[in-house]
PDB file of N, CA and C in Angstrom:
ATOM      1  N   MET A   1     -60.851 -77.828  -4.030  1.00  0.00           N
ATOM      2  CA  MET A   1     -60.268 -78.630  -5.079  1.00  0.00           C
ATOM      3  C   MET A   1     -59.810 -77.718  -6.202  1.00  0.00           C
ATOM      4  N   SER A   2     -58.695 -78.016  -6.801  1.00  0.00           N
ATOM      5  CA  SER A   2     -58.168 -77.256  -7.921  1.00  0.00           C
ATOM      6  C   SER A   2     -58.987 -77.530  -9.175  1.00  0.00           C
ATOM      7  N   ASP A   3     -58.730 -76.735 -10.207  1.00  0.00           N
ATOM      8  CA  ASP A   3     -59.363 -77.001 -11.492  1.00  0.00           C
ATOM      9  C   ASP A   3     -58.956 -78.382 -11.976  1.00  0.00           C
ATOM     10  N   ARG A   4     -59.885 -79.048 -12.628  1.00  0.00           N
ATOM     11  CA  ARG A   4     -59.585 -80.380 -13.155  1.00  0.00           C
ATOM     12  C   ARG A   4     -58.582 -80.294 -14.293  1.00  0.00           C
ATOM     13  N   ILE A   5     -57.724 -81.283 -14.347  1.00  0.00           N
ATOM     14  CA  ILE A   5     -56.723 -81.363 -15.401  1.00  0.00           C
ATOM     15  C   ILE A   5     -57.378 -81.945 -16.645  1.00  0.00           C
ATOM     16  N   ASP A   6     -57.014 -81.434 -17.819  1.00  0.00           N
ATOM     17  CA  ASP A   6     -57.548 -81.980 -19.066  1.00  0.00           C
ATOM     18  C   ASP A   6     -56.476 -82.833 -19.749  1.00  0.00           C
ATOM     19  N   ALA A   7     -56.861 -83.514 -20.809  1.00  0.00           N
ATOM     20  CA  ALA A   7     -55.955 -84.444 -21.484  1.00  0.00           C
ATOM     21  C   ALA A   7     -54.695 -83.764 -22.025  1.00  0.00           C
ATOM     22  N   PRO A   8     -54.789 -82.603 -22.688  1.00  0.00           N
ATOM     23  CA  PRO A   8     -53.552 -81.980 -23.180  1.00  0.00           C
ATOM     24  C   PRO A   8     -52.575 -81.611 -22.053  1.00  0.00           C
ATOM     25  N   GLU A   9     -53.097 -81.097 -20.951  1.00  0.00           N
ATOM     26  CA  GLU A   9     -52.209 -80.741 -19.838  1.00  0.00           C
ATOM     27  C   GLU A   9     -51.628 -81.986 -19.185  1.00  0.00           C
ATOM     28  N   LEU A  10     -52.444 -83.019 -18.986  1.00  0.00           N
ATOM     29  CA  LEU A  10     -51.943 -84.258 -18.402  1.00  0.00           C
ATOM     30  C   LEU A  10     -50.893 -84.885 -19.322  1.00  0.00           C
ATOM     31  N   SER A  11     -51.088 -84.782 -20.617  1.00  0.00           N
ATOM     32  CA  SER A  11     -50.098 -85.276 -21.573  1.00  0.00           C
ATOM     33  C   SER A  11     -48.771 -84.553 -21.388  1.00  0.00           C
ATOM     34  N   ARG A  12     -48.816 -83.239 -21.213  1.00  0.00           N
ATOM     35  CA  ARG A  12     -47.586 -82.472 -20.987  1.00  0.00           C
ATOM     36  C   ARG A  12     -46.930 -82.870 -19.660  1.00  0.00           C
ATOM     37  N   VAL A  13     -47.742 -83.092 -18.637  1.00  0.00           N
ATOM     38  CA  VAL A  13     -47.203 -83.515 -17.337  1.00  0.00           C
ATOM     39  C   VAL A  13     -46.554 -84.892 -17.460  1.00  0.00           C
ATOM     40  N   LEU A  14     -47.181 -85.800 -18.197  1.00  0.00           N
ATOM     41  CA  LEU A  14     -46.609 -87.134 -18.389  1.00  0.00           C
ATOM     42  C   LEU A  14     -45.286 -87.061 -19.147  1.00  0.00           C
ATOM     43  N   ALA A  15     -45.211 -86.216 -20.167  1.00  0.00           N
ATOM     44  CA  ALA A  15     -43.961 -86.061 -20.913  1.00  0.00           C
ATOM     45  C   ALA A  15     -42.864 -85.512 -20.000  1.00  0.00           C
ATOM     46  N   ALA A  16     -43.203 -84.530 -19.172  1.00  0.00           N
ATOM     47  CA  ALA A  16     -42.234 -83.969 -18.222  1.00  0.00           C
ATOM     48  C   ALA A  16     -41.822 -85.028 -17.192  1.00  0.00           C
ATOM     49  N   THR A  17     -42.764 -85.853 -16.774  1.00  0.00           N
ATOM     50  CA  THR A  17     -42.466 -86.939 -15.837  1.00  0.00           C
ATOM     51  C   THR A  17     -41.473 -87.908 -16.470  1.00  0.00           C
ATOM     52  N   GLY A  18     -41.691 -88.223 -17.733  1.00  0.00           N
ATOM     53  CA  GLY A  18     -40.762 -89.110 -18.441  1.00  0.00           C
ATOM     54  C   GLY A  18     -39.356 -88.538 -18.502  1.00  0.00           C
ATOM     55  N   ARG A  19     -39.253 -87.244 -18.777  1.00  0.00           N
ATOM     56  CA  ARG A  19     -37.931 -86.604 -18.817  1.00  0.00           C
ATOM     57  C   ARG A  19     -37.277 -86.620 -17.435  1.00  0.00           C
ATOM     58  N   ALA A  20     -38.061 -86.331 -16.393  1.00  0.00           N
ATOM     59  CA  ALA A  20     -37.525 -86.336 -15.026  1.00  0.00           C
ATOM     60  C   ALA A  20     -37.079 -87.740 -14.630  1.00  0.00           C
ATOM     61  N   HIS A  21     -37.856 -88.736 -15.017  1.00  0.00           N
ATOM     62  CA  HIS A  21     -37.513 -90.123 -14.693  1.00  0.00           C
ATOM     63  C   HIS A  21     -36.217 -90.512 -15.392  1.00  0.00           C
ATOM     64  N   HIS A  22     -36.114 -90.173 -16.663  1.00  0.00           N
ATOM     65  CA  HIS A  22     -34.903 -90.532 -17.405  1.00  0.00           C
ATOM     66  C   HIS A  22     -33.679 -89.872 -16.768  1.00  0.00           C
ATOM     67  N   LYS A  23     -33.834 -88.619 -16.364  1.00  0.00           N
ATOM     68  CA  LYS A  23     -32.728 -87.917 -15.716  1.00  0.00           C
ATOM     69  C   LYS A  23     -32.366 -88.588 -14.389  1.00  0.00           C
ATOM     70  N   ALA A  24     -33.364 -88.972 -13.620  1.00  0.00           N
ATOM     71  CA  ALA A  24     -33.119 -89.630 -12.334  1.00  0.00           C
ATOM     72  C   ALA A  24     -32.432 -90.974 -12.510  1.00  0.00           C
ATOM     73  N   PHE A  25     -32.687 -91.636 -13.635  1.00  0.00           N
ATOM     74  CA  PHE A  25     -32.121 -92.957 -13.889  1.00  0.00           C
ATOM     75  C   PHE A  25     -31.117 -92.920 -15.037  1.00  0.00           C
ATOM     76  N   GLU A  26     -30.458 -91.765 -15.188  1.00  0.00           N
ATOM     77  CA  GLU A  26     -29.493 -91.560 -16.263  1.00  0.00           C
ATOM     78  C   GLU A  26     -28.397 -92.624 -16.267  1.00  0.00           C
ATOM     79  N   ALA A  27     -27.891 -92.978 -15.109  1.00  0.00           N
ATOM     80  CA  ALA A  27     -26.812 -93.955 -15.018  1.00  0.00           C
ATOM     81  C   ALA A  27     -27.231 -95.314 -15.566  1.00  0.00           C
ATOM     82  N   ALA A  28     -28.529 -95.599 -15.514  1.00  0.00           N
ATOM     83  CA  ALA A  28     -29.048 -96.865 -16.024  1.00  0.00           C
ATOM     84  C   ALA A  28     -29.704 -96.667 -17.392  1.00  0.00           C
ATOM     85  N   ASP A  29     -29.396 -95.554 -18.072  1.00  0.00           N
ATOM     86  CA  ASP A  29     -29.974 -95.210 -19.376  1.00  0.00           C
ATOM     87  C   ASP A  29     -31.499 -95.174 -19.312  1.00  0.00           C
ATOM     88  N   GLY A  30     -32.027 -94.737 -18.175  1.00  0.00           N
ATOM     89  CA  GLY A  30     -33.470 -94.615 -18.012  1.00  0.00           C
ATOM     90  C   GLY A  30     -34.163 -95.912 -17.661  1.00  0.00           C
ATOM     91  N   SER A  31     -33.415 -96.994 -17.571  1.00  0.00           N
ATOM     92  CA  SER A  31     -34.004 -98.299 -17.293  1.00  0.00           C
ATOM     93  C   SER A  31     -34.437 -98.402 -15.828  1.00  0.00           C
ATOM     94  N   ASP A  32     -35.689 -98.783 -15.629  1.00  0.00           N
ATOM     95  CA  ASP A  32     -36.230 -98.936 -14.276  1.00  0.00           C
ATOM     96  C   ASP A  32     -37.435 -99.859 -14.351  1.00  0.00           C
ATOM     97  N   PRO A  33     -37.308-101.092 -13.865  1.00  0.00           N
ATOM     98  CA  PRO A  33     -38.437-102.017 -13.937  1.00  0.00           C
ATOM     99  C   PRO A  33     -39.644-101.552 -13.120  1.00  0.00           C
ATOM    100  N   ASP A  34     -39.420-100.680 -12.155  1.00  0.00           N
ATOM    101  CA  ASP A  34     -40.508-100.152 -11.335  1.00  0.00           C
ATOM    102  C   ASP A  34     -40.877 -98.725 -11.732  1.00  0.00           C
ATOM    103  N   TRP A  35     -40.729 -98.431 -13.015  1.00  0.00           N
ATOM    104  CA  TRP A  35     -40.972 -97.076 -13.520  1.00  0.00           C
ATOM    105  C   TRP A  35     -42.343 -96.550 -13.120  1.00  0.00           C
ATOM    106  N   ALA A  36     -43.362 -97.391 -13.169  1.00  0.00           N
ATOM    107  CA  ALA A  36     -44.729 -96.926 -12.901  1.00  0.00           C
ATOM    108  C   ALA A  36     -44.884 -96.432 -11.465  1.00  0.00           C
ATOM    109  N   ILE A  37     -44.168 -97.041 -10.531  1.00  0.00           N
ATOM    110  CA  ILE A  37     -44.222 -96.593  -9.140  1.00  0.00           C
ATOM    111  C   ILE A  37     -43.594 -95.206  -9.022  1.00  0.00           C
ATOM    112  N   TRP A  38     -42.449 -95.017  -9.690  1.00  0.00           N
ATOM    113  CA  TRP A  38     -41.782 -93.713  -9.673  1.00  0.00           C
ATOM    114  C   TRP A  38     -42.678 -92.660 -10.315  1.00  0.00           C
ATOM    115  N   TYR A  39     -43.233 -92.973 -11.492  1.00  0.00           N
ATOM    116  CA  TYR A  39     -44.126 -92.040 -12.187  1.00  0.00           C
ATOM    117  C   TYR A  39     -45.320 -91.687 -11.299  1.00  0.00           C
ATOM    118  N   ALA A  40     -45.886 -92.690 -10.626  1.00  0.00           N
ATOM    119  CA  ALA A  40     -47.070 -92.465  -9.793  1.00  0.00           C
ATOM    120  C   ALA A  40     -46.776 -91.463  -8.682  1.00  0.00           C
ATOM    121  N   GLY A  41     -45.639 -91.611  -8.031  1.00  0.00           N
ATOM    122  CA  GLY A  41     -45.273 -90.668  -6.984  1.00  0.00           C
ATOM    123  C   GLY A  41     -45.073 -89.265  -7.531  1.00  0.00           C
ATOM    124  N   TYR A  42     -44.429 -89.166  -8.669  1.00  0.00           N
ATOM    125  CA  TYR A  42     -44.189 -87.874  -9.304  1.00  0.00           C
ATOM    126  C   TYR A  42     -45.515 -87.229  -9.721  1.00  0.00           C
ATOM    127  N   LEU A  43     -46.383 -88.029 -10.331  1.00  0.00           N
ATOM    128  CA  LEU A  43     -47.687 -87.500 -10.751  1.00  0.00           C
ATOM    129  C   LEU A  43     -48.526 -87.092  -9.549  1.00  0.00           C
ATOM    130  N   GLN A  44     -48.511 -87.903  -8.525  1.00  0.00           N
ATOM    131  CA  GLN A  44     -49.279 -87.598  -7.318  1.00  0.00           C
ATOM    132  C   GLN A  44     -48.862 -86.244  -6.755  1.00  0.00           C
ATOM    133  N   ALA A  45     -47.572 -85.993  -6.711  1.00  0.00           N
ATOM    134  CA  ALA A  45     -47.060 -84.724  -6.195  1.00  0.00           C
ATOM    135  C   ALA A  45     -47.345 -83.567  -7.144  1.00  0.00           C
ATOM    136  N   THR A  46     -47.435 -83.856  -8.426  1.00  0.00           N
ATOM    137  CA  THR A  46     -47.601 -82.815  -9.437  1.00  0.00           C
ATOM    138  C   THR A  46     -49.050 -82.419  -9.669  1.00  0.00           C
ATOM    139  N   ILE A  47     -49.936 -83.409  -9.777  1.00  0.00           N
ATOM    140  CA  ILE A  47     -51.329 -83.083 -10.136  1.00  0.00           C
ATOM    141  C   ILE A  47     -52.275 -83.090  -8.949  1.00  0.00           C
ATOM    142  N   GLY A  48     -51.821 -83.617  -7.808  1.00  0.00           N
ATOM    143  CA  GLY A  48     -52.659 -83.585  -6.606  1.00  0.00           C
ATOM    144  C   GLY A  48     -54.064 -84.091  -6.855  1.00  0.00           C
ATOM    145  N   ASP A  49     -55.048 -83.257  -6.532  1.00  0.00           N
ATOM    146  CA  ASP A  49     -56.450 -83.672  -6.665  1.00  0.00           C
ATOM    147  C   ASP A  49     -57.080 -83.236  -7.991  1.00  0.00           C
ATOM    148  N   ARG A  50     -56.279 -82.912  -8.975  1.00  0.00           N
ATOM    149  CA  ARG A  50     -56.814 -82.382 -10.229  1.00  0.00           C
ATOM    150  C   ARG A  50     -57.496 -83.433 -11.101  1.00  0.00           C
ATOM    151  N   LEU A  51     -57.497 -84.698 -10.670  1.00  0.00           N
ATOM    152  CA  LEU A  51     -58.278 -85.726 -11.356  1.00  0.00           C
ATOM    153  C   LEU A  51     -59.703 -85.782 -10.801  1.00  0.00           C
ATOM    154  N   GLY A  52     -59.997 -84.923  -9.862  1.00  0.00           N
ATOM    155  CA  GLY A  52     -61.311 -84.900  -9.232  1.00  0.00           C
ATOM    156  C   GLY A  52     -61.245 -85.310  -7.780  1.00  0.00           C
ATOM    157  N   SER A  53     -60.269 -86.114  -7.441  1.00  0.00           N
ATOM    158  CA  SER A  53     -59.953 -86.471  -6.066  1.00  0.00           C
ATOM    159  C   SER A  53     -58.482 -86.852  -6.053  1.00  0.00           C
ATOM    160  N   PHE A  54     -57.915 -86.962  -4.858  1.00  0.00           N
ATOM    161  CA  PHE A  54     -56.496 -87.273  -4.755  1.00  0.00           C
ATOM    162  C   PHE A  54     -56.288 -88.760  -5.015  1.00  0.00           C
ATOM    163  N   PRO A  55     -55.558 -89.116  -6.079  1.00  0.00           N
ATOM    164  CA  PRO A  55     -55.364 -90.533  -6.393  1.00  0.00           C
ATOM    165  C   PRO A  55     -54.322 -91.176  -5.482  1.00  0.00           C
ATOM    166  N   SER A  56     -54.526 -92.429  -5.154  1.00  0.00           N
ATOM    167  CA  SER A  56     -53.496 -93.143  -4.397  1.00  0.00           C
ATOM    168  C   SER A  56     -52.361 -93.490  -5.351  1.00  0.00           C
ATOM    169  N   ARG A  57     -51.196 -93.678  -4.797  1.00  0.00           N
ATOM    170  CA  ARG A  57     -50.053 -94.078  -5.614  1.00  0.00           C
ATOM    171  C   ARG A  57     -50.320 -95.437  -6.250  1.00  0.00           C
ATOM    172  N   ALA A  58     -50.991 -96.310  -5.522  1.00  0.00           N
ATOM    173  CA  ALA A  58     -51.309 -97.638  -6.049  1.00  0.00           C
ATOM    174  C   ALA A  58     -52.239 -97.532  -7.262  1.00  0.00           C
ATOM    175  N   GLU A  59     -53.256 -96.675  -7.172  1.00  0.00           N
ATOM    176  CA  GLU A  59     -54.181 -96.539  -8.303  1.00  0.00           C
ATOM    177  C   GLU A  59     -53.473 -95.943  -9.513  1.00  0.00           C
ATOM    178  N   LEU A  60     -52.635 -94.940  -9.294  1.00  0.00           N
ATOM    179  CA  LEU A  60     -51.895 -94.361 -10.413  1.00  0.00           C
ATOM    180  C   LEU A  60     -50.945 -95.388 -11.031  1.00  0.00           C
ATOM    181  N   THR A  61     -50.290 -96.185 -10.199  1.00  0.00           N
ATOM    182  CA  THR A  61     -49.398 -97.226 -10.717  1.00  0.00           C
ATOM    183  C   THR A  61     -50.176 -98.196 -11.593  1.00  0.00           C
ATOM    184  N   TYR A  62     -51.323 -98.631 -11.103  1.00  0.00           N
ATOM    185  CA  TYR A  62     -52.185 -99.535 -11.873  1.00  0.00           C
ATOM    186  C   TYR A  62     -52.592 -98.910 -13.216  1.00  0.00           C
ATOM    187  N   LEU A  63     -53.026 -97.659 -13.174  1.00  0.00           N
ATOM    188  CA  LEU A  63     -53.465 -96.982 -14.396  1.00  0.00           C
ATOM    189  C   LEU A  63     -52.321 -96.807 -15.387  1.00  0.00           C
ATOM    190  N   LEU A  64     -51.139 -96.507 -14.904  1.00  0.00           N
ATOM    191  CA  LEU A  64     -49.989 -96.352 -15.788  1.00  0.00           C
ATOM    192  C   LEU A  64     -49.628 -97.668 -16.476  1.00  0.00           C
ATOM    193  N   ILE A  65     -49.642 -98.749 -15.722  1.00  0.00           N
ATOM    194  CA  ILE A  65     -49.331-100.059 -16.314  1.00  0.00           C
ATOM    195  C   ILE A  65     -50.417-100.460 -17.304  1.00  0.00           C
ATOM    196  N   ALA A  66     -51.671-100.223 -16.954  1.00  0.00           N
ATOM    197  CA  ALA A  66     -52.772-100.540 -17.872  1.00  0.00           C
ATOM    198  C   ALA A  66     -52.689 -99.676 -19.128  1.00  0.00           C
ATOM    199  N   ALA A  67     -52.322 -98.405 -18.974  1.00  0.00           N
ATOM    200  CA  ALA A  67     -52.169 -97.519 -20.130  1.00  0.00           C
ATOM    201  C   ALA A  67     -51.034 -98.003 -21.025  1.00  0.00           C
ATOM    202  N   GLU A  68     -49.947 -98.447 -20.418  1.00  0.00           N
ATOM    203  CA  GLU A  68     -48.822 -98.977 -21.199  1.00  0.00           C
ATOM    204  C   GLU A  68     -49.260-100.190 -22.013  1.00  0.00           C
ATOM    205  N   ARG A  69     -50.013-101.076 -21.400  1.00  0.00           N
ATOM    206  CA  ARG A  69     -50.480-102.278 -22.100  1.00  0.00           C
ATOM    207  C   ARG A  69     -51.447-101.928 -23.225  1.00  0.00           C
ATOM    208  N   ALA A  70     -52.347-100.993 -22.955  1.00  0.00           N
ATOM    209  CA  ALA A  70     -53.291-100.560 -24.001  1.00  0.00           C
ATOM    210  C   ALA A  70     -52.544 -99.902 -25.156  1.00  0.00           C
ATOM    211  N   TYR A  71     -51.550 -99.110 -24.847  1.00  0.00           N
ATOM    212  CA  TYR A  71     -50.759 -98.427 -25.871  1.00  0.00           C
ATOM    213  C   TYR A  71     -49.996 -99.441 -26.717  1.00  0.00           C
ATOM    214  N   ALA A  72     -49.457-100.472 -26.075  1.00  0.00           N
ATOM    215  CA  ALA A  72     -48.685-101.490 -26.787  1.00  0.00           C
ATOM    216  C   ALA A  72     -49.540-102.274 -27.778  1.00  0.00           C
ATOM    217  N   THR A  73     -50.824-102.395 -27.490  1.00  0.00           N
ATOM    218  CA  THR A  73     -51.696-103.176 -28.378  1.00  0.00           C
ATOM    219  C   THR A  73     -52.486-102.310 -29.356  1.00  0.00           C
ATOM    220  N   ALA A  74     -52.341-100.990 -29.237  1.00  0.00           N
ATOM    221  CA  ALA A  74     -53.063-100.081 -30.142  1.00  0.00           C
ATOM    222  C   ALA A  74     -52.419-100.117 -31.529  1.00  0.00           C
ATOM    223  N   GLY A  75     -53.171 -99.700 -32.497  1.00  0.00           N
ATOM    224  CA  GLY A  75     -52.681 -99.680 -33.873  1.00  0.00           C
ATOM    225  C   GLY A  75     -51.679 -98.573 -34.127  1.00  0.00           C
ATOM    226  N   GLU A  76     -51.325 -98.419 -35.384  1.00  0.00           N
ATOM    227  CA  GLU A  76     -50.322 -97.436 -35.789  1.00  0.00           C
ATOM    228  C   GLU A  76     -50.738 -96.002 -35.496  1.00  0.00           C
ATOM    229  N   ASP A  77     -52.029 -95.736 -35.469  1.00  0.00           N
ATOM    230  CA  ASP A  77     -52.512 -94.370 -35.253  1.00  0.00           C
ATOM    231  C   ASP A  77     -52.760 -94.075 -33.773  1.00  0.00           C
ATOM    232  N   ARG A  78     -51.963 -94.671 -32.918  1.00  0.00           N
ATOM    233  CA  ARG A  78     -52.167 -94.543 -31.480  1.00  0.00           C
ATOM    234  C   ARG A  78     -51.698 -93.210 -30.911  1.00  0.00           C
ATOM    235  N   GLY A  79     -50.970 -92.408 -31.666  1.00  0.00           N
ATOM    236  CA  GLY A  79     -50.483 -91.123 -31.180  1.00  0.00           C
ATOM    237  C   GLY A  79     -49.271 -91.295 -30.291  1.00  0.00           C
ATOM    238  N   SER A  80     -48.876 -90.213 -29.637  1.00  0.00           N
ATOM    239  CA  SER A  80     -47.720 -90.281 -28.750  1.00  0.00           C
ATOM    240  C   SER A  80     -48.116 -90.964 -27.443  1.00  0.00           C
ATOM    241  N   TRP A  81     -47.131 -91.527 -26.760  1.00  0.00           N
ATOM    242  CA  TRP A  81     -47.464 -92.219 -25.509  1.00  0.00           C
ATOM    243  C   TRP A  81     -48.043 -91.263 -24.469  1.00  0.00           C
ATOM    244  N   PRO A  82     -47.514 -90.029 -24.308  1.00  0.00           N
ATOM    245  CA  PRO A  82     -48.122 -89.168 -23.287  1.00  0.00           C
ATOM    246  C   PRO A  82     -49.593 -88.867 -23.567  1.00  0.00           C
ATOM    247  N   GLU A  83     -49.926 -88.651 -24.836  1.00  0.00           N
ATOM    248  CA  GLU A  83     -51.323 -88.376 -25.191  1.00  0.00           C
ATOM    249  C   GLU A  83     -52.202 -89.586 -24.919  1.00  0.00           C
ATOM    250  N   ALA A  84     -51.724 -90.748 -25.335  1.00  0.00           N
ATOM    251  CA  ALA A  84     -52.502 -91.978 -25.146  1.00  0.00           C
ATOM    252  C   ALA A  84     -52.674 -92.305 -23.659  1.00  0.00           C
ATOM    253  N   TYR A  85     -51.615 -92.172 -22.888  1.00  0.00           N
ATOM    254  CA  TYR A  85     -51.692 -92.455 -21.458  1.00  0.00           C
ATOM    255  C   TYR A  85     -52.635 -91.465 -20.764  1.00  0.00           C
ATOM    256  N   ALA A  86     -52.555 -90.192 -21.146  1.00  0.00           N
ATOM    257  CA  ALA A  86     -53.427 -89.172 -20.546  1.00  0.00           C
ATOM    258  C   ALA A  86     -54.888 -89.516 -20.793  1.00  0.00           C
ATOM    259  N   GLU A  87     -55.215 -89.849 -22.029  1.00  0.00           N
ATOM    260  CA  GLU A  87     -56.596 -90.217 -22.364  1.00  0.00           C
ATOM    261  C   GLU A  87     -57.033 -91.437 -21.567  1.00  0.00           C
ATOM    262  N   TYR A  88     -56.159 -92.436 -21.470  1.00  0.00           N
ATOM    263  CA  TYR A  88     -56.479 -93.657 -20.745  1.00  0.00           C
ATOM    264  C   TYR A  88     -56.728 -93.351 -19.251  1.00  0.00           C
ATOM    265  N   ILE A  89     -55.815 -92.609 -18.657  1.00  0.00           N
ATOM    266  CA  ILE A  89     -55.943 -92.295 -17.223  1.00  0.00           C
ATOM    267  C   ILE A  89     -57.225 -91.520 -16.946  1.00  0.00           C
ATOM    268  N   LEU A  90     -57.501 -90.510 -17.764  1.00  0.00           N
ATOM    269  CA  LEU A  90     -58.707 -89.710 -17.538  1.00  0.00           C
ATOM    270  C   LEU A  90     -59.983 -90.537 -17.744  1.00  0.00           C
ATOM    271  N   ALA A  91     -59.946 -91.469 -18.683  1.00  0.00           N
ATOM    272  CA  ALA A  91     -61.121 -92.295 -18.955  1.00  0.00           C
ATOM    273  C   ALA A  91     -61.334 -93.364 -17.886  1.00  0.00           C
ATOM    274  N   ASN A  92     -60.276 -93.730 -17.170  1.00  0.00           N
ATOM    275  CA  ASN A  92     -60.382 -94.871 -16.245  1.00  0.00           C
ATOM    276  C   ASN A  92     -60.176 -94.552 -14.772  1.00  0.00           C
ATOM    277  N   PHE A  93     -59.866 -93.306 -14.429  1.00  0.00           N
ATOM    278  CA  PHE A  93     -59.696 -92.944 -13.024  1.00  0.00           C
ATOM    279  C   PHE A  93     -61.048 -93.011 -12.333  1.00  0.00           C
ATOM    280  N   ARG A  94     -61.086 -93.700 -11.209  1.00  0.00           N
ATOM    281  CA  ARG A  94     -62.348 -93.854 -10.476  1.00  0.00           C
ATOM    282  C   ARG A  94     -62.248 -93.248  -9.094  1.00  0.00           C
ATOM    283  N   GLY A  95     -61.712 -92.046  -9.016  1.00  0.00           N
ATOM    284  CA  GLY A  95     -61.560 -91.372  -7.726  1.00  0.00           C
ATOM    285  C   GLY A  95     -62.896 -91.154  -7.046  1.00  0.00           C
ATOM    286  N   THR A  96     -62.859 -91.110  -5.751  1.00  0.00           N
ATOM    287  CA  THR A  96     -64.113 -90.922  -5.001  1.00  0.00           C
ATOM    288  C   THR A  96     -64.194 -89.529  -4.441  1.00  0.00           C
TER     289      THR A  96
END
């Protein structure tokens, strides 16, 4: 198993994922109702087992959507979305 990913690195990976997604969906101005599925595949390929075990695409999709919802309801001091999502994912991943 590789070294575990920490929140700052996962935040950077999420930001890079967002840029890659926007580029892939440039013609639609980044609009993609299934964004979490795309992000999950990209993250799965990028971080592999660095969450402690290899996450399924379904679990990553679930965590991304849950992180988005938590971020939307957080207060003004919620920080950047990549940081908030990274913290959420690391706190809630239940890999075996």
